[in-house]
């Protein structure tokens, strides 16, 4: 049976993640409050951030920036796209 969550991003009940996608308290919070669909939305946004800002997850400062943007995207006011970003056609 599919585990359901009240997704904070989609503002509705939706299928939840199978496991915590991130470590620590943030990962637990994501697992309990974010749906699979919302997580995939974040993953797509994260890829755009990685590419546009030339971030690499192995750099501690870059990881911290991505974590900050993830919290904003999922639980806050949202994560903005870079001003220079042009969506592919």
PDB file of N, CA and C in Angstrom:
ATOM      1  N   UNK A   1       0.843  -1.182   0.000  1.00  0.00           N
ATOM      2  CA  UNK A   1       0.000   0.000   0.000  1.00  0.00           C
ATOM      3  C   UNK A   1       0.888   1.244   0.000  1.00  0.00           C
ATOM      4  N   UNK A   2       0.491   2.229  -0.749  1.00  0.00           N
ATOM      5  CA  UNK A   2       1.245   3.459  -0.878  1.00  0.00           C
ATOM      6  C   UNK A   2       1.081   4.330   0.364  1.00  0.00           C
ATOM      7  N   UNK A   3       2.204   4.827   0.845  1.00  0.00           N
ATOM      8  CA  UNK A   3       2.187   5.735   1.996  1.00  0.00           C
ATOM      9  C   UNK A   3       1.806   7.124   1.501  1.00  0.00           C
ATOM     10  N   UNK A   4       0.812   7.726   2.138  1.00  0.00           N
ATOM     11  CA  UNK A   4       0.331   9.052   1.750  1.00  0.00           C
ATOM     12  C   UNK A   4       0.827  10.098   2.745  1.00  0.00           C
ATOM     13  N   UNK A   5       1.084  11.296   2.227  1.00  0.00           N
ATOM     14  CA  UNK A   5       1.476  12.431   3.072  1.00  0.00           C
ATOM     15  C   UNK A   5       0.644  13.647   2.673  1.00  0.00           C
ATOM     16  N   UNK A   6       0.490  14.561   3.589  1.00  0.00           N
ATOM     17  CA  UNK A   6      -0.088  15.865   3.265  1.00  0.00           C
ATOM     18  C   UNK A   6       1.075  16.725   2.801  1.00  0.00           C
ATOM     19  N   UNK A   7       1.228  16.838   1.503  1.00  0.00           N
ATOM     20  CA  UNK A   7       2.389  17.506   0.917  1.00  0.00           C
ATOM     21  C   UNK A   7       2.340  19.016   1.143  1.00  0.00           C
ATOM     22  N   UNK A   8       3.402  19.539   1.735  1.00  0.00           N
ATOM     23  CA  UNK A   8       3.474  20.974   2.028  1.00  0.00           C
ATOM     24  C   UNK A   8       3.630  21.813   0.764  1.00  0.00           C
ATOM     25  N   UNK A   9       4.185  21.243  -0.275  1.00  0.00           N
ATOM     26  CA  UNK A   9       4.393  21.999  -1.504  1.00  0.00           C
ATOM     27  C   UNK A   9       3.145  21.977  -2.385  1.00  0.00           C
ATOM     28  N   UNK A  10       2.558  20.801  -2.558  1.00  0.00           N
ATOM     29  CA  UNK A  10       1.386  20.677  -3.416  1.00  0.00           C
ATOM     30  C   UNK A  10       0.088  21.049  -2.709  1.00  0.00           C
ATOM     31  N   UNK A  11       0.151  21.139  -1.393  1.00  0.00           N
ATOM     32  CA  UNK A  11      -1.023  21.484  -0.575  1.00  0.00           C
ATOM     33  C   UNK A  11      -2.167  20.479  -0.762  1.00  0.00           C
ATOM     34  N   UNK A  12      -1.796  19.188  -0.836  1.00  0.00           N
ATOM     35  CA  UNK A  12      -2.802  18.140  -0.947  1.00  0.00           C
ATOM     36  C   UNK A  12      -2.190  16.818  -0.505  1.00  0.00           C
ATOM     37  N   UNK A  13      -3.053  15.834  -0.284  1.00  0.00           N
ATOM     38  CA  UNK A  13      -2.576  14.505   0.061  1.00  0.00           C
ATOM     39  C   UNK A  13      -2.076  13.829  -1.211  1.00  0.00           C
ATOM     40  N   UNK A  14      -0.899  13.234  -1.128  1.00  0.00           N
ATOM     41  CA  UNK A  14      -0.280  12.609  -2.292  1.00  0.00           C
ATOM     42  C   UNK A  14       0.640  11.490  -1.827  1.00  0.00           C
ATOM     43  N   UNK A  15       1.017  10.564  -2.733  1.00  0.00           N
ATOM     44  CA  UNK A  15       1.933   9.484  -2.368  1.00  0.00           C
ATOM     45  C   UNK A  15       3.262  10.031  -1.852  1.00  0.00           C
ATOM     46  N   UNK A  16       3.707   9.462  -0.717  1.00  0.00           N
ATOM     47  CA  UNK A  16       4.946   9.900  -0.102  1.00  0.00           C
ATOM     48  C   UNK A  16       6.161   9.168  -0.643  1.00  0.00           C
ATOM     49  N   UNK A  17       7.304   9.628  -0.235  1.00  0.00           N
ATOM     50  CA  UNK A  17       8.575   9.013  -0.627  1.00  0.00           C
ATOM     51  C   UNK A  17       8.732   7.649   0.036  1.00  0.00           C
ATOM     52  N   UNK A  18       9.499   6.771  -0.583  1.00  0.00           N
ATOM     53  CA  UNK A  18       9.738   5.437  -0.035  1.00  0.00           C
ATOM     54  C   UNK A  18      10.736   5.457   1.111  1.00  0.00           C
ATOM     55  N   UNK A  19      11.644   6.418   1.076  1.00  0.00           N
ATOM     56  CA  UNK A  19      12.645   6.572   2.139  1.00  0.00           C
ATOM     57  C   UNK A  19      13.083   8.028   2.173  1.00  0.00           C
ATOM     58  N   UNK A  20      13.737   8.407   3.252  1.00  0.00           N
ATOM     59  CA  UNK A  20      14.225   9.780   3.380  1.00  0.00           C
ATOM     60  C   UNK A  20      15.275  10.035   2.294  1.00  0.00           C
ATOM     61  N   UNK A  21      15.105  11.094   1.508  1.00  0.00           N
ATOM     62  CA  UNK A  21      16.035  11.367   0.417  1.00  0.00           C
ATOM     63  C   UNK A  21      17.266  12.162   0.837  1.00  0.00           C
ATOM     64  N   UNK A  22      17.309  12.524   2.105  1.00  0.00           N
ATOM     65  CA  UNK A  22      18.375  13.376   2.615  1.00  0.00           C
ATOM     66  C   UNK A  22      18.613  12.990   4.057  1.00  0.00           C
ATOM     67  N   UNK A  23      19.785  13.233   4.564  1.00  0.00           N
ATOM     68  CA  UNK A  23      20.122  12.840   5.922  1.00  0.00           C
ATOM     69  C   UNK A  23      19.629  13.804   6.987  1.00  0.00           C
ATOM     70  N   UNK A  24      19.707  13.369   8.219  1.00  0.00           N
ATOM     71  CA  UNK A  24      19.438  14.212   9.373  1.00  0.00           C
ATOM     72  C   UNK A  24      17.987  14.619   9.540  1.00  0.00           C
ATOM     73  N   UNK A  25      17.810  15.694  10.325  1.00  0.00           N
ATOM     74  CA  UNK A  25      16.467  16.195  10.627  1.00  0.00           C
ATOM     75  C   UNK A  25      15.754  16.706   9.377  1.00  0.00           C
ATOM     76  N   UNK A  26      16.502  17.327   8.473  1.00  0.00           N
ATOM     77  CA  UNK A  26      15.890  17.822   7.243  1.00  0.00           C
ATOM     78  C   UNK A  26      15.339  16.656   6.427  1.00  0.00           C
ATOM     79  N   UNK A  27      16.092  15.584   6.334  1.00  0.00           N
ATOM     80  CA  UNK A  27      15.630  14.405   5.609  1.00  0.00           C
ATOM     81  C   UNK A  27      14.366  13.817   6.215  1.00  0.00           C
ATOM     82  N   UNK A  28      14.312  13.786   7.540  1.00  0.00           N
ATOM     83  CA  UNK A  28      13.117  13.283   8.238  1.00  0.00           C
ATOM     84  C   UNK A  28      11.919  14.177   7.945  1.00  0.00           C
ATOM     85  N   UNK A  29      12.143  15.475   7.977  1.00  0.00           N
ATOM     86  CA  UNK A  29      11.079  16.445   7.702  1.00  0.00           C
ATOM     87  C   UNK A  29      10.566  16.302   6.264  1.00  0.00           C
ATOM     88  N   UNK A  30      11.476  16.101   5.329  1.00  0.00           N
ATOM     89  CA  UNK A  30      11.097  15.899   3.925  1.00  0.00           C
ATOM     90  C   UNK A  30      10.283  14.617   3.795  1.00  0.00           C
ATOM     91  N   UNK A  31      10.764  13.540   4.389  1.00  0.00           N
ATOM     92  CA  UNK A  31      10.084  12.247   4.306  1.00  0.00           C
ATOM     93  C   UNK A  31       8.658  12.339   4.829  1.00  0.00           C
ATOM     94  N   UNK A  32       8.459  13.079   5.899  1.00  0.00           N
ATOM     95  CA  UNK A  32       7.141  13.167   6.535  1.00  0.00           C
ATOM     96  C   UNK A  32       6.201  14.155   5.852  1.00  0.00           C
ATOM     97  N   UNK A  33       6.726  15.120   5.094  1.00  0.00           N
ATOM     98  CA  UNK A  33       5.888  16.221   4.601  1.00  0.00           C
ATOM     99  C   UNK A  33       5.937  16.495   3.102  1.00  0.00           C
ATOM    100  N   UNK A  34       6.738  15.757   2.350  1.00  0.00           N
ATOM    101  CA  UNK A  34       6.900  16.040   0.923  1.00  0.00           C
ATOM    102  C   UNK A  34       6.533  14.796   0.116  1.00  0.00           C
ATOM    103  N   UNK A  35       5.755  14.998  -0.927  1.00  0.00           N
ATOM    104  CA  UNK A  35       5.329  13.884  -1.784  1.00  0.00           C
ATOM    105  C   UNK A  35       6.407  13.545  -2.811  1.00  0.00           C
ATOM    106  N   UNK A  36       6.244  12.387  -3.447  1.00  0.00           N
ATOM    107  CA  UNK A  36       7.159  11.987  -4.519  1.00  0.00           C
ATOM    108  C   UNK A  36       7.152  13.020  -5.643  1.00  0.00           C
ATOM    109  N   UNK A  37       5.963  13.486  -5.997  1.00  0.00           N
ATOM    110  CA  UNK A  37       5.834  14.466  -7.072  1.00  0.00           C
ATOM    111  C   UNK A  37       6.572  15.760  -6.732  1.00  0.00           C
ATOM    112  N   UNK A  38       6.399  16.253  -5.519  1.00  0.00           N
ATOM    113  CA  UNK A  38       7.068  17.485  -5.099  1.00  0.00           C
ATOM    114  C   UNK A  38       8.582  17.287  -5.049  1.00  0.00           C
ATOM    115  N   UNK A  39       9.022  16.117  -4.613  1.00  0.00           N
ATOM    116  CA  UNK A  39      10.461  15.852  -4.564  1.00  0.00           C
ATOM    117  C   UNK A  39      11.051  15.880  -5.977  1.00  0.00           C
ATOM    118  N   UNK A  40      10.338  15.312  -6.941  1.00  0.00           N
ATOM    119  CA  UNK A  40      10.821  15.332  -8.320  1.00  0.00           C
ATOM    120  C   UNK A  40      10.870  16.761  -8.864  1.00  0.00           C
ATOM    121  N   UNK A  41       9.928  17.599  -8.443  1.00  0.00           N
ATOM    122  CA  UNK A  41       9.959  19.008  -8.832  1.00  0.00           C
ATOM    123  C   UNK A  41      11.239  19.658  -8.302  1.00  0.00           C
ATOM    124  N   UNK A  42      11.594  19.341  -7.039  1.00  0.00           N
ATOM    125  CA  UNK A  42      12.828  19.871  -6.462  1.00  0.00           C
ATOM    126  C   UNK A  42      14.040  19.360  -7.222  1.00  0.00           C
ATOM    127  N   UNK A  43      14.068  18.078  -7.554  1.00  0.00           N
ATOM    128  CA  UNK A  43      15.220  17.500  -8.252  1.00  0.00           C
ATOM    129  C   UNK A  43      15.448  18.231  -9.578  1.00  0.00           C
ATOM    130  N   UNK A  44      14.385  18.490 -10.324  1.00  0.00           N
ATOM    131  CA  UNK A  44      14.522  19.225 -11.590  1.00  0.00           C
ATOM    132  C   UNK A  44      15.043  20.647 -11.341  1.00  0.00           C
ATOM    133  N   UNK A  45      14.534  21.299 -10.306  1.00  0.00           N
ATOM    134  CA  UNK A  45      14.987  22.658  -9.973  1.00  0.00           C
ATOM    135  C   UNK A  45      16.459  22.629  -9.538  1.00  0.00           C
ATOM    136  N   UNK A  46      16.820  21.626  -8.772  1.00  0.00           N
ATOM    137  CA  UNK A  46      18.200  21.495  -8.299  1.00  0.00           C
ATOM    138  C   UNK A  46      19.172  21.324  -9.467  1.00  0.00           C
ATOM    139  N   UNK A  47      18.798  20.525 -10.457  1.00  0.00           N
ATOM    140  CA  UNK A  47      19.659  20.331 -11.627  1.00  0.00           C
ATOM    141  C   UNK A  47      19.886  21.673 -12.332  1.00  0.00           C
ATOM    142  N   UNK A  48      18.818  22.459 -12.451  1.00  0.00           N
ATOM    143  CA  UNK A  48      18.944  23.777 -13.067  1.00  0.00           C
ATOM    144  C   UNK A  48      19.905  24.648 -12.253  1.00  0.00           C
ATOM    145  N   UNK A  49      19.768  24.630 -10.913  1.00  0.00           N
ATOM    146  CA  UNK A  49      20.668  25.417 -10.061  1.00  0.00           C
ATOM    147  C   UNK A  49      22.115  24.952 -10.213  1.00  0.00           C
ATOM    148  N   UNK A  50      22.324  23.642 -10.218  1.00  0.00           N
ATOM    149  CA  UNK A  50      23.673  23.098 -10.384  1.00  0.00           C
ATOM    150  C   UNK A  50      24.300  23.585 -11.686  1.00  0.00           C
ATOM    151  N   UNK A  51      23.520  23.538 -12.752  1.00  0.00           N
ATOM    152  CA  UNK A  51      24.038  23.941 -14.062  1.00  0.00           C
ATOM    153  C   UNK A  51      24.242  25.447 -14.167  1.00  0.00           C
ATOM    154  N   UNK A  52      23.264  26.218 -13.764  1.00  0.00           N
ATOM    155  CA  UNK A  52      23.336  27.671 -13.937  1.00  0.00           C
ATOM    156  C   UNK A  52      24.388  28.327 -13.047  1.00  0.00           C
ATOM    157  N   UNK A  53      24.518  27.826 -11.816  1.00  0.00           N
ATOM    158  CA  UNK A  53      25.492  28.411 -10.884  1.00  0.00           C
ATOM    159  C   UNK A  53      26.816  27.652 -10.863  1.00  0.00           C
ATOM    160  N   UNK A  54      26.922  26.618 -11.706  1.00  0.00           N
ATOM    161  CA  UNK A  54      28.143  25.811 -11.786  1.00  0.00           C
ATOM    162  C   UNK A  54      28.518  25.249 -10.404  1.00  0.00           C
ATOM    163  N   UNK A  55      27.522  24.701  -9.722  1.00  0.00           N
ATOM    164  CA  UNK A  55      27.741  24.142  -8.384  1.00  0.00           C
ATOM    165  C   UNK A  55      28.166  22.688  -8.486  1.00  0.00           C
ATOM    166  N   UNK A  56      28.911  22.241  -7.500  1.00  0.00           N
ATOM    167  CA  UNK A  56      29.289  20.841  -7.400  1.00  0.00           C
ATOM    168  C   UNK A  56      29.018  20.382  -5.970  1.00  0.00           C
ATOM    169  N   UNK A  57      28.271  19.293  -5.809  1.00  0.00           N
ATOM    170  CA  UNK A  57      27.906  18.832  -4.468  1.00  0.00           C
ATOM    171  C   UNK A  57      29.079  18.399  -3.585  1.00  0.00           C
ATOM    172  N   UNK A  58      30.261  18.214  -4.153  1.00  0.00           N
ATOM    173  CA  UNK A  58      31.399  17.814  -3.319  1.00  0.00           C
ATOM    174  C   UNK A  58      31.983  18.993  -2.546  1.00  0.00           C
ATOM    175  N   UNK A  59      31.685  20.208  -2.990  1.00  0.00           N
ATOM    176  CA  UNK A  59      32.157  21.413  -2.295  1.00  0.00           C
ATOM    177  C   UNK A  59      31.226  21.715  -1.124  1.00  0.00           C
ATOM    178  N   UNK A  60      31.742  21.785   0.100  1.00  0.00           N
ATOM    179  CA  UNK A  60      30.883  22.057   1.261  1.00  0.00           C
ATOM    180  C   UNK A  60      30.037  23.326   1.122  1.00  0.00           C
ATOM    181  N   UNK A  61      30.596  24.384   0.600  1.00  0.00           N
ATOM    182  CA  UNK A  61      29.839  25.634   0.439  1.00  0.00           C
ATOM    183  C   UNK A  61      28.704  25.459  -0.570  1.00  0.00           C
ATOM    184  N   UNK A  62      28.948  24.697  -1.625  1.00  0.00           N
ATOM    185  CA  UNK A  62      27.921  24.453  -2.634  1.00  0.00           C
ATOM    186  C   UNK A  62      26.806  23.581  -2.059  1.00  0.00           C
ATOM    187  N   UNK A  63      27.178  22.573  -1.281  1.00  0.00           N
ATOM    188  CA  UNK A  63      26.176  21.708  -0.619  1.00  0.00           C
ATOM    189  C   UNK A  63      25.304  22.535   0.313  1.00  0.00           C
ATOM    190  N   UNK A  64      25.930  23.426   1.066  1.00  0.00           N
ATOM    191  CA  UNK A  64      25.188  24.287   1.988  1.00  0.00           C
ATOM    192  C   UNK A  64      24.214  25.173   1.217  1.00  0.00           C
ATOM    193  N   UNK A  65      24.644  25.717   0.099  1.00  0.00           N
ATOM    194  CA  UNK A  65      23.768  26.541  -0.742  1.00  0.00           C
ATOM    195  C   UNK A  65      22.601  25.724  -1.265  1.00  0.00           C
ATOM    196  N   UNK A  66      22.860  24.510  -1.737  1.00  0.00           N
ATOM    197  CA  UNK A  66      21.788  23.656  -2.250  1.00  0.00           C
ATOM    198  C   UNK A  66      20.800  23.279  -1.143  1.00  0.00           C
ATOM    199  N   UNK A  67      21.309  23.006   0.049  1.00  0.00           N
ATOM    200  CA  UNK A  67      20.433  22.688   1.175  1.00  0.00           C
ATOM    201  C   UNK A  67      19.547  23.880   1.514  1.00  0.00           C
ATOM    202  N   UNK A  68      20.121  25.068   1.502  1.00  0.00           N
ATOM    203  CA  UNK A  68      19.358  26.292   1.761  1.00  0.00           C
ATOM    204  C   UNK A  68      18.253  26.465   0.720  1.00  0.00           C
ATOM    205  N   UNK A  69      18.614  26.283  -0.553  1.00  0.00           N
ATOM    206  CA  UNK A  69      17.632  26.414  -1.634  1.00  0.00           C
ATOM    207  C   UNK A  69      16.563  25.324  -1.541  1.00  0.00           C
ATOM    208  N   UNK A  70      16.954  24.119  -1.129  1.00  0.00           N
ATOM    209  CA  UNK A  70      15.997  23.016  -0.979  1.00  0.00           C
ATOM    210  C   UNK A  70      14.964  23.350   0.090  1.00  0.00           C
ATOM    211  N   UNK A  71      15.416  23.865   1.225  1.00  0.00           N
ATOM    212  CA  UNK A  71      14.480  24.244   2.294  1.00  0.00           C
ATOM    213  C   UNK A  71      13.541  25.351   1.819  1.00  0.00           C
ATOM    214  N   UNK A  72      14.071  26.339   1.114  1.00  0.00           N
ATOM    215  CA  UNK A  72      13.226  27.411   0.585  1.00  0.00           C
ATOM    216  C   UNK A  72      12.202  26.861  -0.409  1.00  0.00           C
ATOM    217  N   UNK A  73      12.654  25.980  -1.296  1.00  0.00           N
ATOM    218  CA  UNK A  73      11.791  25.426  -2.338  1.00  0.00           C
ATOM    219  C   UNK A  73      10.663  24.601  -1.735  1.00  0.00           C
ATOM    220  N   UNK A  74      11.007  23.721  -0.798  1.00  0.00           N
ATOM    221  CA  UNK A  74      10.022  22.790  -0.255  1.00  0.00           C
ATOM    222  C   UNK A  74       9.183  23.371   0.873  1.00  0.00           C
ATOM    223  N   UNK A  75       9.780  24.196   1.739  1.00  0.00           N
ATOM    224  CA  UNK A  75       9.099  24.636   2.951  1.00  0.00           C
ATOM    225  C   UNK A  75       8.927  26.148   3.078  1.00  0.00           C
ATOM    226  N   UNK A  76       9.581  26.895   2.226  1.00  0.00           N
ATOM    227  CA  UNK A  76       9.564  28.342   2.380  1.00  0.00           C
ATOM    228  C   UNK A  76       8.841  29.044   1.252  1.00  0.00           C
ATOM    229  N   UNK A  77       9.385  30.185   0.886  1.00  0.00           N
ATOM    230  CA  UNK A  77       8.758  31.024  -0.124  1.00  0.00           C
ATOM    231  C   UNK A  77       9.100  30.597  -1.545  1.00  0.00           C
ATOM    232  N   UNK A  78       9.891  29.549  -1.693  1.00  0.00           N
ATOM    233  CA  UNK A  78      10.284  29.065  -3.011  1.00  0.00           C
ATOM    234  C   UNK A  78      11.691  29.485  -3.361  1.00  0.00           C
ATOM    235  N   UNK A  79      12.302  28.756  -4.237  1.00  0.00           N
ATOM    236  CA  UNK A  79      13.661  29.022  -4.685  1.00  0.00           C
ATOM    237  C   UNK A  79      13.583  29.667  -6.069  1.00  0.00           C
ATOM    238  N   UNK A  80      14.168  30.826  -6.208  1.00  0.00           N
ATOM    239  CA  UNK A  80      14.108  31.571  -7.462  1.00  0.00           C
ATOM    240  C   UNK A  80      15.067  30.993  -8.493  1.00  0.00           C
ATOM    241  N   UNK A  81      14.686  31.123  -9.744  1.00  0.00           N
ATOM    242  CA  UNK A  81      15.581  30.774 -10.839  1.00  0.00           C
ATOM    243  C   UNK A  81      16.569  31.920 -11.011  1.00  0.00           C
ATOM    244  N   UNK A  82      17.781  31.639 -11.457  1.00  0.00           N
ATOM    245  CA  UNK A  82      18.746  32.713 -11.709  1.00  0.00           C
ATOM    246  C   UNK A  82      18.181  33.688 -12.733  1.00  0.00           C
ATOM    247  N   UNK A  83      18.512  34.946 -12.607  1.00  0.00           N
ATOM    248  CA  UNK A  83      18.026  35.977 -13.535  1.00  0.00           C
ATOM    249  C   UNK A  83      18.412  35.676 -14.974  1.00  0.00           C
ATOM    250  N   UNK A  84      19.574  35.056 -15.161  1.00  0.00           N
ATOM    251  CA  UNK A  84      20.078  34.766 -16.498  1.00  0.00           C
ATOM    252  C   UNK A  84      19.468  33.508 -17.114  1.00  0.00           C
ATOM    253  N   UNK A  85      18.686  32.743 -16.340  1.00  0.00           N
ATOM    254  CA  UNK A  85      18.177  31.460 -16.792  1.00  0.00           C
ATOM    255  C   UNK A  85      17.195  31.634 -17.946  1.00  0.00           C
ATOM    256  N   UNK A  86      17.427  30.860 -19.003  1.00  0.00           N
ATOM    257  CA  UNK A  86      16.521  30.807 -20.143  1.00  0.00           C
ATOM    258  C   UNK A  86      16.088  29.353 -20.286  1.00  0.00           C
ATOM    259  N   UNK A  87      14.797  29.107 -20.163  1.00  0.00           N
ATOM    260  CA  UNK A  87      14.290  27.740 -20.249  1.00  0.00           C
ATOM    261  C   UNK A  87      14.529  27.182 -21.645  1.00  0.00           C
ATOM    262  N   UNK A  88      14.944  25.901 -21.735  1.00  0.00           N
ATOM    263  CA  UNK A  88      15.137  25.284 -23.051  1.00  0.00           C
ATOM    264  C   UNK A  88      13.801  25.147 -23.773  1.00  0.00           C
ATOM    265  N   UNK A  89      13.867  25.223 -25.081  1.00  0.00           N
ATOM    266  CA  UNK A  89      12.640  25.140 -25.883  1.00  0.00           C
ATOM    267  C   UNK A  89      12.384  23.735 -26.340  1.00  0.00           C
TER     268      UNK A  89
END
